[in-house]
N, C-alpha and C. Protein backbone atom coordinates (compact mmCIF):
# COMPACT_ATOMS: atom_id res chain seq x y z
N MET A 1 -0.80 139.52 252.75
CA MET A 1 -1.77 140.62 252.57
C MET A 1 -3.16 140.17 253.19
N PRO A 2 -3.73 140.96 253.92
CA PRO A 2 -5.01 140.63 254.50
C PRO A 2 -6.11 140.54 253.48
N ASN A 3 -7.27 139.91 253.74
CA ASN A 3 -8.36 139.92 252.80
C ASN A 3 -9.02 141.31 252.93
N HIS A 4 -9.56 141.71 251.84
CA HIS A 4 -10.40 142.91 251.76
C HIS A 4 -11.76 142.45 251.48
N VAL A 5 -12.72 142.86 252.22
CA VAL A 5 -14.05 142.43 252.10
C VAL A 5 -14.76 143.45 251.13
N ILE A 6 -15.41 143.01 250.09
CA ILE A 6 -16.07 143.82 249.19
C ILE A 6 -17.56 143.99 249.57
N HIS A 7 -17.96 145.18 249.93
CA HIS A 7 -19.33 145.40 250.39
C HIS A 7 -20.33 145.97 249.40
N ASP A 8 -19.71 146.54 248.30
CA ASP A 8 -20.60 147.21 247.25
C ASP A 8 -20.01 147.16 245.97
N LEU A 9 -20.68 147.60 244.97
CA LEU A 9 -20.24 147.49 243.57
C LEU A 9 -19.09 148.45 243.36
N ASP A 10 -19.01 149.67 244.03
CA ASP A 10 -17.90 150.56 243.92
C ASP A 10 -16.59 149.87 244.38
N GLU A 11 -16.65 149.15 245.47
CA GLU A 11 -15.54 148.49 246.00
C GLU A 11 -15.04 147.36 244.98
N LEU A 12 -15.98 146.75 244.34
CA LEU A 12 -15.57 145.73 243.36
C LEU A 12 -14.89 146.38 242.23
N GLU A 13 -15.36 147.50 241.66
CA GLU A 13 -14.72 148.09 240.67
C GLU A 13 -13.43 148.63 240.96
N THR A 14 -13.18 149.09 242.22
CA THR A 14 -11.82 149.54 242.66
C THR A 14 -10.91 148.33 242.68
N ALA A 15 -11.42 147.33 243.26
CA ALA A 15 -10.52 146.07 243.34
C ALA A 15 -10.14 145.58 241.89
N LEU A 16 -10.95 145.73 240.96
CA LEU A 16 -10.70 145.23 239.62
C LEU A 16 -9.68 146.12 238.85
N ARG A 17 -9.33 147.25 239.49
CA ARG A 17 -8.27 148.06 238.84
C ARG A 17 -6.83 147.52 238.99
N GLN A 18 -6.74 146.51 239.88
CA GLN A 18 -5.49 145.94 240.12
C GLN A 18 -5.17 144.98 238.97
N PRO A 19 -3.93 144.83 238.59
CA PRO A 19 -3.71 143.96 237.44
C PRO A 19 -4.04 142.46 237.63
N ARG A 20 -3.91 142.01 238.95
CA ARG A 20 -4.28 140.61 239.25
C ARG A 20 -4.82 140.58 240.64
N LEU A 21 -5.83 139.68 240.80
CA LEU A 21 -6.39 139.48 242.18
C LEU A 21 -7.23 138.23 242.27
N LEU A 22 -7.22 137.75 243.41
CA LEU A 22 -8.07 136.49 243.73
C LEU A 22 -9.22 136.89 244.59
N LEU A 23 -10.40 136.47 244.21
CA LEU A 23 -11.57 136.74 244.95
C LEU A 23 -12.18 135.49 245.45
N LEU A 24 -12.76 135.36 246.57
CA LEU A 24 -13.36 134.25 247.16
C LEU A 24 -14.88 134.66 247.52
N LYS A 25 -15.80 133.98 246.84
CA LYS A 25 -17.26 134.18 247.15
C LYS A 25 -17.59 133.05 248.08
N TYR A 26 -18.25 133.42 249.24
CA TYR A 26 -18.52 132.40 250.28
C TYR A 26 -19.70 132.73 251.03
N SER A 27 -20.28 131.74 251.58
CA SER A 27 -21.39 131.93 252.54
C SER A 27 -20.93 131.66 253.97
N PRO A 28 -21.20 132.60 254.88
CA PRO A 28 -20.69 132.51 256.26
C PRO A 28 -21.43 131.44 257.01
N ILE A 29 -22.50 130.79 256.50
CA ILE A 29 -23.26 129.76 257.20
C ILE A 29 -23.09 128.33 256.59
N CYS A 30 -22.16 128.31 255.59
CA CYS A 30 -22.06 127.04 254.90
C CYS A 30 -20.74 126.23 255.32
N VAL A 31 -20.87 124.91 255.56
CA VAL A 31 -19.73 124.21 255.98
C VAL A 31 -18.71 124.09 254.92
N ILE A 32 -19.23 123.85 253.65
CA ILE A 32 -18.30 123.80 252.48
C ILE A 32 -17.56 125.11 252.27
N SER A 33 -18.24 126.21 252.55
CA SER A 33 -17.56 127.45 252.40
C SER A 33 -16.51 127.62 253.50
N ALA A 34 -16.70 127.16 254.69
CA ALA A 34 -15.80 127.24 255.84
C ALA A 34 -14.53 126.51 255.41
N THR A 35 -14.76 125.30 254.71
CA THR A 35 -13.57 124.50 254.29
C THR A 35 -12.79 125.24 253.21
N ALA A 36 -13.49 125.90 252.33
CA ALA A 36 -12.86 126.63 251.24
C ALA A 36 -12.06 127.86 251.87
N ARG A 37 -12.73 128.45 252.85
CA ARG A 37 -12.16 129.63 253.49
C ARG A 37 -10.88 129.17 254.16
N ALA A 38 -10.79 127.95 254.79
CA ALA A 38 -9.62 127.57 255.50
C ALA A 38 -8.41 127.27 254.44
N GLU A 39 -8.77 126.71 253.33
CA GLU A 39 -7.86 126.54 252.26
C GLU A 39 -7.35 127.92 251.69
N TRP A 40 -8.26 128.83 251.60
CA TRP A 40 -7.86 130.18 251.18
C TRP A 40 -6.87 130.77 252.12
N GLU A 41 -7.13 130.55 253.39
CA GLU A 41 -6.12 131.12 254.39
C GLU A 41 -4.74 130.52 254.29
N MET A 42 -4.78 129.11 254.04
CA MET A 42 -3.49 128.49 253.81
C MET A 42 -2.75 128.96 252.54
N PHE A 43 -3.49 129.20 251.54
CA PHE A 43 -2.94 129.87 250.39
C PHE A 43 -2.35 131.19 250.60
N GLN A 44 -2.90 131.95 251.41
CA GLN A 44 -2.41 133.31 251.87
C GLN A 44 -1.16 133.18 252.60
N LEU A 45 -1.00 132.17 253.33
CA LEU A 45 0.36 132.07 254.03
C LEU A 45 1.45 131.73 253.03
N ASP A 46 1.15 130.91 251.95
CA ASP A 46 2.11 130.67 250.95
C ASP A 46 2.37 131.78 249.99
N CYS A 47 1.33 132.63 249.80
CA CYS A 47 1.52 133.77 248.77
C CYS A 47 0.96 135.07 249.43
N PRO A 48 1.67 135.50 250.47
CA PRO A 48 1.17 136.66 251.22
C PRO A 48 0.98 137.97 250.43
N ASP A 49 1.71 138.00 249.27
CA ASP A 49 1.55 139.31 248.55
C ASP A 49 0.52 139.34 247.47
N ALA A 50 -0.23 138.21 247.46
CA ALA A 50 -1.32 138.12 246.50
C ALA A 50 -2.49 139.02 246.95
N PRO A 51 -3.06 139.88 246.12
CA PRO A 51 -4.16 140.61 246.61
C PRO A 51 -5.41 139.76 246.61
N THR A 52 -6.05 139.72 247.76
CA THR A 52 -7.13 138.73 247.89
C THR A 52 -8.32 139.52 248.44
N PHE A 53 -9.54 139.22 247.94
CA PHE A 53 -10.75 139.81 248.27
C PHE A 53 -11.88 138.83 248.59
N LEU A 54 -12.80 139.19 249.48
CA LEU A 54 -13.85 138.32 249.86
C LEU A 54 -15.21 138.87 249.52
N VAL A 55 -16.24 138.13 249.05
CA VAL A 55 -17.66 138.50 248.97
C VAL A 55 -18.47 137.57 249.68
N ASP A 56 -19.21 138.02 250.65
CA ASP A 56 -20.16 137.30 251.38
C ASP A 56 -21.42 137.23 250.55
N VAL A 57 -21.68 136.01 249.98
CA VAL A 57 -22.86 135.96 249.12
C VAL A 57 -24.20 136.17 249.77
N ILE A 58 -24.29 136.07 250.93
CA ILE A 58 -25.59 136.23 251.58
C ILE A 58 -25.82 137.85 251.88
N ASN A 59 -24.77 138.45 252.30
CA ASN A 59 -24.89 139.94 252.64
C ASN A 59 -24.57 140.83 251.46
N ALA A 60 -24.06 140.24 250.48
CA ALA A 60 -23.68 141.11 249.25
C ALA A 60 -24.18 140.39 247.95
N ARG A 61 -25.38 139.92 248.00
CA ARG A 61 -25.98 139.19 246.92
C ARG A 61 -25.82 139.92 245.51
N ALA A 62 -26.03 141.26 245.51
CA ALA A 62 -25.99 142.03 244.36
C ALA A 62 -24.59 141.87 243.62
N ILE A 63 -23.55 141.96 244.53
CA ILE A 63 -22.20 141.90 244.05
C ILE A 63 -21.92 140.50 243.39
N SER A 64 -22.40 139.46 244.11
CA SER A 64 -22.30 138.13 243.57
C SER A 64 -22.92 137.97 242.24
N GLN A 65 -24.16 138.56 242.08
CA GLN A 65 -24.92 138.45 240.81
C GLN A 65 -24.21 139.23 239.73
N GLU A 66 -23.69 140.38 240.08
CA GLU A 66 -22.93 141.32 239.14
C GLU A 66 -21.76 140.48 238.55
N ILE A 67 -21.02 139.87 239.46
CA ILE A 67 -19.80 139.07 238.93
C ILE A 67 -20.15 138.07 238.05
N ALA A 68 -21.24 137.31 238.23
CA ALA A 68 -21.71 136.22 237.48
C ALA A 68 -22.15 136.85 236.09
N THR A 69 -22.86 137.98 236.06
CA THR A 69 -23.43 138.52 234.86
C THR A 69 -22.31 139.19 233.98
N LYS A 70 -21.51 140.02 234.63
CA LYS A 70 -20.44 140.83 233.95
C LYS A 70 -19.33 139.96 233.45
N PHE A 71 -18.93 138.91 234.19
CA PHE A 71 -17.80 138.08 233.74
C PHE A 71 -18.10 136.77 233.26
N GLY A 72 -19.33 136.41 233.15
CA GLY A 72 -19.73 135.13 232.51
C GLY A 72 -19.25 133.93 233.35
N VAL A 73 -19.15 134.12 234.65
CA VAL A 73 -18.80 132.97 235.54
C VAL A 73 -19.93 132.62 236.38
N GLU A 74 -20.59 131.50 235.95
CA GLU A 74 -21.90 131.11 236.65
C GLU A 74 -21.68 131.06 238.14
N HIS A 75 -22.63 131.61 238.84
CA HIS A 75 -22.51 131.76 240.41
C HIS A 75 -22.48 130.40 241.06
N GLU A 76 -21.53 130.20 241.84
CA GLU A 76 -21.53 129.07 242.75
C GLU A 76 -20.95 129.65 244.11
N SER A 77 -21.19 128.81 245.18
CA SER A 77 -20.66 129.26 246.51
C SER A 77 -20.33 128.02 247.20
N PRO A 78 -19.04 127.91 247.70
CA PRO A 78 -17.93 128.86 247.54
C PRO A 78 -17.47 128.80 246.12
N GLN A 79 -16.77 129.88 245.80
CA GLN A 79 -16.10 130.02 244.43
C GLN A 79 -15.04 130.95 244.47
N ALA A 80 -13.87 130.51 243.96
CA ALA A 80 -12.71 131.35 243.87
C ALA A 80 -12.46 131.73 242.39
N ILE A 81 -12.11 133.06 242.20
CA ILE A 81 -11.98 133.57 240.84
C ILE A 81 -10.71 134.35 240.71
N LEU A 82 -9.89 134.06 239.76
CA LEU A 82 -8.74 134.84 239.43
C LEU A 82 -9.06 135.88 238.41
N PHE A 83 -8.76 137.03 238.60
CA PHE A 83 -8.97 138.19 237.63
C PHE A 83 -7.65 138.73 237.26
N GLU A 84 -7.56 138.87 235.90
CA GLU A 84 -6.25 139.45 235.42
C GLU A 84 -6.68 140.50 234.40
N ASN A 85 -6.29 141.70 234.63
CA ASN A 85 -6.64 142.86 233.81
C ASN A 85 -8.18 142.95 233.64
N SER A 86 -8.87 142.84 234.73
CA SER A 86 -10.29 142.96 234.77
C SER A 86 -11.16 141.90 234.07
N ALA A 87 -10.45 140.74 233.81
CA ALA A 87 -11.08 139.66 233.23
C ALA A 87 -10.99 138.41 234.05
N ALA A 88 -12.02 137.60 234.23
CA ALA A 88 -12.01 136.41 234.94
C ALA A 88 -11.24 135.41 234.03
N THR A 89 -10.08 134.85 234.52
CA THR A 89 -9.32 134.00 233.72
C THR A 89 -9.25 132.54 234.31
N TRP A 90 -9.70 132.36 235.49
CA TRP A 90 -9.70 131.05 236.15
C TRP A 90 -10.78 131.08 237.27
N HIS A 91 -11.38 129.94 237.53
CA HIS A 91 -12.32 129.84 238.61
C HIS A 91 -12.44 128.39 239.11
N ALA A 92 -12.76 128.25 240.37
CA ALA A 92 -12.95 126.92 240.98
C ALA A 92 -14.06 127.11 241.95
N SER A 93 -14.78 125.94 242.26
CA SER A 93 -15.78 125.98 243.31
C SER A 93 -15.70 124.69 244.14
N HIS A 94 -16.40 124.91 245.22
CA HIS A 94 -16.55 123.75 246.23
C HIS A 94 -15.25 123.15 246.52
N SER A 95 -15.15 121.72 246.43
CA SER A 95 -13.99 121.09 246.87
C SER A 95 -12.83 121.26 246.02
N ALA A 96 -13.01 121.90 244.79
CA ALA A 96 -11.84 122.25 243.93
C ALA A 96 -11.01 123.40 244.50
N ILE A 97 -11.56 124.10 245.56
CA ILE A 97 -10.77 125.24 246.12
C ILE A 97 -9.87 124.64 247.19
N SER A 98 -8.68 124.63 246.81
CA SER A 98 -7.58 124.15 247.75
C SER A 98 -6.48 125.14 247.70
N ALA A 99 -5.61 125.09 248.84
CA ALA A 99 -4.39 125.93 248.80
C ALA A 99 -3.54 125.65 247.58
N SER A 100 -3.48 124.43 247.19
CA SER A 100 -2.62 124.08 246.07
C SER A 100 -3.20 124.61 244.69
N SER A 101 -4.59 124.44 244.53
CA SER A 101 -5.18 124.95 243.32
C SER A 101 -5.15 126.45 243.23
N LEU A 102 -5.30 127.05 244.31
CA LEU A 102 -5.17 128.58 244.33
C LEU A 102 -3.74 129.06 243.96
N ALA A 103 -2.69 128.34 244.61
CA ALA A 103 -1.36 128.67 244.38
C ALA A 103 -0.99 128.40 242.89
N ALA A 104 -1.50 127.23 242.31
CA ALA A 104 -1.18 126.98 240.93
C ALA A 104 -1.79 128.04 239.99
N ALA A 105 -3.00 128.35 240.25
CA ALA A 105 -3.71 129.37 239.41
C ALA A 105 -2.95 130.78 239.53
N TRP A 106 -2.56 131.18 240.78
CA TRP A 106 -1.84 132.38 240.97
C TRP A 106 -0.57 132.46 240.40
N THR A 107 0.22 131.30 240.34
CA THR A 107 1.57 131.31 239.86
C THR A 107 1.78 130.93 238.43
N ALA A 108 0.61 130.40 237.79
CA ALA A 108 0.73 130.07 236.41
C ALA A 108 1.08 131.28 235.48
N ASP A 109 2.06 130.98 234.67
CA ASP A 109 2.48 131.99 233.70
C ASP A 109 2.99 133.29 234.38
N TYR A 110 3.50 133.16 235.57
CA TYR A 110 3.99 134.33 236.33
C TYR A 110 5.39 134.11 236.76
């Protein structure tokens, strides 16, 4: 399944209606984010049916802040967050974002 880019708060709310999804917050100008994005893409090859969403923290700062405030997940970038039933149940940042950590989070209890 391709990434869906979230541009505004309405798109975030729509995405969160899904029972489970993975979201990656990233900066398009950060080397660490580029590495996390590469790991994200490898995860997608292994789990192509996982609903995945992206938030560009530079161009969608309000969305990034809303996620931190609403779900109690301190903002970091890059940051991967697993949402289940509209609740943040797992997150990782920086070098902890790997294809294997994403797959483990996605397949846990599933």
